[in-house]
Amino acid sequence: MRYVAAYCLAALGCSHPSVKDIENILAAVGIDCDAARAKKVVSELEGKNLNSVIDEGMGKIGTMPIGGAAPAGSSAATAAVKKEEKKEEKKEEKEEPEEESDDDMGFGLFD
């Protein structure tokens, strides 16, 4: 990931970043650069529009399921989640709001 980030930073300054550009950026923040990895990033992105690559990746990320969502057809898991949500709602209804206190633990604004 650091090599891709360094490539993106280098792309801000020039249109076609090189392995040397990535090495310089990583060295500036004290990270040793693996030339093979840097070369791989440069070769994979060579000749491509970086903004197009990022847009394409964002589209792919948008279709990925995230979190602990239950797979389709898992009614037992869904029912358990709904049951837990109902319990939490009942708890919240029972709690009474606490009165705000003017006591600032002995500290005042102008003391």
C-alpha atoms as a PDB file:
ATOM      1  CA  MET A   1       0.000   0.000   0.000  1.00  0.00           C
ATOM      2  CA  ARG A   2       2.845   2.379   0.777  1.00  0.00           C
ATOM      3  CA  TYR A   3       4.209   1.954  -2.735  1.00  0.00           C
ATOM      4  CA  VAL A   4       0.871   2.816  -4.300  1.00  0.00           C
ATOM      5  CA  ALA A   5       0.517   5.844  -2.001  1.00  0.00           C
ATOM      6  CA  ALA A   6       4.029   6.995  -2.940  1.00  0.00           C
ATOM      7  CA  TYR A   7       3.180   6.525  -6.622  1.00  0.00           C
ATOM      8  CA  CYS A   8       0.048   8.666  -6.196  1.00  0.00           C
ATOM      9  CA  LEU A   9       2.086  11.389  -4.493  1.00  0.00           C
ATOM     10  CA  ALA A  10       4.675  11.286  -7.250  1.00  0.00           C
ATOM     11  CA  ALA A  11       1.898  11.461  -9.869  1.00  0.00           C
ATOM     12  CA  LEU A  12       0.841  14.787  -8.401  1.00  0.00           C
ATOM     13  CA  GLY A  13       4.234  16.212  -9.331  1.00  0.00           C
ATOM     14  CA  CYS A  14       4.857  14.512 -12.663  1.00  0.00           C
ATOM     15  CA  SER A  15       2.794  12.650 -15.213  1.00  0.00           C
ATOM     16  CA  HIS A  16       4.848   9.434 -15.265  1.00  0.00           C
ATOM     17  CA  PRO A  17       6.429   8.566 -11.882  1.00  0.00           C
ATOM     18  CA  SER A  18       9.446   6.303 -11.868  1.00  0.00           C
ATOM     19  CA  VAL A  19      10.853   3.799  -9.390  1.00  0.00           C
ATOM     20  CA  LYS A  20      13.351   6.476  -8.338  1.00  0.00           C
ATOM     21  CA  ASP A  21      10.474   8.857  -7.509  1.00  0.00           C
ATOM     22  CA  ILE A  22       8.875   6.225  -5.249  1.00  0.00           C
ATOM     23  CA  GLU A  23      12.235   5.508  -3.592  1.00  0.00           C
ATOM     24  CA  ASN A  24      12.769   9.225  -2.896  1.00  0.00           C
ATOM     25  CA  ILE A  25       9.312   9.678  -1.355  1.00  0.00           C
ATOM     26  CA  LEU A  26       9.637   6.622   0.882  1.00  0.00           C
ATOM     27  CA  ALA A  27      13.180   7.596   1.912  1.00  0.00           C
ATOM     28  CA  ALA A  28      11.915  11.059   2.876  1.00  0.00           C
ATOM     29  CA  VAL A  29       9.703   9.486   5.548  1.00  0.00           C
ATOM     30  CA  GLY A  30      12.290   6.941   6.690  1.00  0.00           C
ATOM     31  CA  ILE A  31      10.935   3.838   4.943  1.00  0.00           C
ATOM     32  CA  ASP A  32      13.239   1.416   3.149  1.00  0.00           C
ATOM     33  CA  CYS A  33      12.107   0.832  -0.408  1.00  0.00           C
ATOM     34  CA  ASP A  34      11.951  -2.618  -1.968  1.00  0.00           C
ATOM     35  CA  ALA A  35      12.894  -1.900  -5.578  1.00  0.00           C
ATOM     36  CA  ALA A  36      11.032  -4.970  -6.857  1.00  0.00           C
ATOM     37  CA  ARG A  37       7.749  -3.816  -5.320  1.00  0.00           C
ATOM     38  CA  ALA A  38       8.221  -0.262  -6.559  1.00  0.00           C
ATOM     39  CA  LYS A  39       9.004  -1.576 -10.040  1.00  0.00           C
ATOM     40  CA  LYS A  40       5.850  -3.743  -9.946  1.00  0.00           C
ATOM     41  CA  VAL A  41       3.657  -0.724  -9.077  1.00  0.00           C
ATOM     42  CA  VAL A  42       5.222   1.410 -11.804  1.00  0.00           C
ATOM     43  CA  SER A  43       4.876  -1.351 -14.421  1.00  0.00           C
ATOM     44  CA  GLU A  44       1.232  -2.055 -13.515  1.00  0.00           C
ATOM     45  CA  LEU A  45       0.247   1.617 -13.727  1.00  0.00           C
ATOM     46  CA  GLU A  46       2.438   2.545 -16.699  1.00  0.00           C
ATOM     47  CA  GLY A  47       0.438   4.085 -19.521  1.00  0.00           C
ATOM     48  CA  LYS A  48      -2.758   4.291 -17.453  1.00  0.00           C
ATOM     49  CA  ASN A  49      -4.605   7.388 -16.316  1.00  0.00           C
ATOM     50  CA  LEU A  50      -4.374   7.338 -12.516  1.00  0.00           C
ATOM     51  CA  ASN A  51      -7.742   9.074 -12.058  1.00  0.00           C
ATOM     52  CA  SER A  52      -9.440   6.435 -14.223  1.00  0.00           C
ATOM     53  CA  VAL A  53      -7.815   3.630 -12.239  1.00  0.00           C
ATOM     54  CA  ILE A  54      -8.973   5.192  -8.964  1.00  0.00           C
ATOM     55  CA  ASP A  55     -12.528   5.696 -10.282  1.00  0.00           C
ATOM     56  CA  GLU A  56     -12.663   2.092 -11.460  1.00  0.00           C
ATOM     57  CA  GLY A  57     -11.469   0.877  -8.062  1.00  0.00           C
ATOM     58  CA  MET A  58     -14.043   3.004  -6.237  1.00  0.00           C
ATOM     59  CA  GLY A  59     -16.772   1.382  -8.334  1.00  0.00           C
ATOM     60  CA  LYS A  60     -15.531  -2.048  -7.317  1.00  0.00           C
ATOM     61  CA  ILE A  61     -15.366  -1.118  -3.648  1.00  0.00           C
ATOM     62  CA  GLY A  62     -18.963   0.087  -3.762  1.00  0.00           C
ATOM     63  CA  THR A  63     -20.173  -3.423  -4.633  1.00  0.00           C
ATOM     64  CA  MET A  64     -18.269  -5.183  -1.846  1.00  0.00           C
ATOM     65  CA  PRO A  65     -20.213  -6.336   1.210  1.00  0.00           C
ATOM     66  CA  ILE A  66     -18.723  -4.962   4.395  1.00  0.00           C
ATOM     67  CA  GLY A  67     -19.268  -5.585   8.064  1.00  0.00           C
ATOM     68  CA  GLY A  68     -20.798  -8.651   9.616  1.00  0.00           C
ATOM     69  CA  ALA A  69     -23.877  -8.838   7.442  1.00  0.00           C
ATOM     70  CA  ALA A  70     -25.519 -12.239   7.419  1.00  0.00           C
ATOM     71  CA  PRO A  71     -25.585 -14.060   4.098  1.00  0.00           C
ATOM     72  CA  ALA A  72     -28.856 -14.139   2.208  1.00  0.00           C
ATOM     73  CA  GLY A  73     -31.200 -16.789   3.539  1.00  0.00           C
ATOM     74  CA  SER A  74     -29.835 -16.703   7.057  1.00  0.00           C
ATOM     75  CA  SER A  75     -33.117 -16.044   8.805  1.00  0.00           C
ATOM     76  CA  ALA A  76     -31.889 -17.246  12.200  1.00  0.00           C
ATOM     77  CA  ALA A  77     -29.124 -14.668  12.275  1.00  0.00           C
ATOM     78  CA  THR A  78     -31.470 -11.940  11.059  1.00  0.00           C
ATOM     79  CA  ALA A  79     -34.048 -12.837  13.695  1.00  0.00           C
ATOM     80  CA  ALA A  80     -31.413 -12.752  16.433  1.00  0.00           C
ATOM     81  CA  VAL A  81     -30.261  -9.304  15.342  1.00  0.00           C
ATOM     82  CA  LYS A  82     -33.833  -7.969  15.279  1.00  0.00           C
ATOM     83  CA  LYS A  83     -34.521  -9.441  18.727  1.00  0.00           C
ATOM     84  CA  GLU A  84     -31.404  -7.751  20.105  1.00  0.00           C
ATOM     85  CA  GLU A  85     -32.424  -4.426  18.556  1.00  0.00           C
ATOM     86  CA  LYS A  86     -35.844  -4.648  20.220  1.00  0.00           C
ATOM     87  CA  LYS A  87     -34.196  -5.259  23.611  1.00  0.00           C
ATOM     88  CA  GLU A  88     -32.004  -2.195  23.146  1.00  0.00           C
ATOM     89  CA  GLU A  89     -35.004  -0.061  22.199  1.00  0.00           C
ATOM     90  CA  LYS A  90     -36.838  -1.113  25.355  1.00  0.00           C
ATOM     91  CA  LYS A  91     -33.782  -0.283  27.473  1.00  0.00           C
ATOM     92  CA  GLU A  92     -33.544   3.160  25.942  1.00  0.00           C
ATOM     93  CA  GLU A  93     -37.212   3.865  26.628  1.00  0.00           C
ATOM     94  CA  LYS A  94     -36.863   2.970  30.330  1.00  0.00           C
ATOM     95  CA  GLU A  95     -33.887   5.236  30.936  1.00  0.00           C
ATOM     96  CA  GLU A  96     -34.852   8.654  32.201  1.00  0.00           C
ATOM     97  CA  PRO A  97     -32.799  11.628  31.132  1.00  0.00           C
ATOM     98  CA  GLU A  98     -30.509  12.901  33.826  1.00  0.00           C
ATOM     99  CA  GLU A  99     -30.838  16.473  34.929  1.00  0.00           C
ATOM    100  CA  GLU A 100     -27.991  18.681  33.896  1.00  0.00           C
ATOM    101  CA  SER A 101     -25.989  19.997  36.760  1.00  0.00           C
ATOM    102  CA  ASP A 102     -24.381  23.419  37.017  1.00  0.00           C
ATOM    103  CA  ASP A 103     -21.688  21.896  39.195  1.00  0.00           C
ATOM    104  CA  ASP A 104     -18.458  21.756  37.217  1.00  0.00           C
ATOM    105  CA  MET A 105     -16.642  19.622  39.767  1.00  0.00           C
ATOM    106  CA  GLY A 106     -15.491  22.696  41.647  1.00  0.00           C
ATOM    107  CA  PHE A 107     -13.996  24.437  38.638  1.00  0.00           C
ATOM    108  CA  GLY A 108     -15.530  27.531  37.187  1.00  0.00           C
ATOM    109  CA  LEU A 109     -14.735  29.462  34.080  1.00  0.00           C
ATOM    110  CA  PHE A 110     -13.492  32.522  35.944  1.00  0.00           C
ATOM    111  CA  ASP A 111     -12.074  30.936  39.134  1.00  0.00           C
END
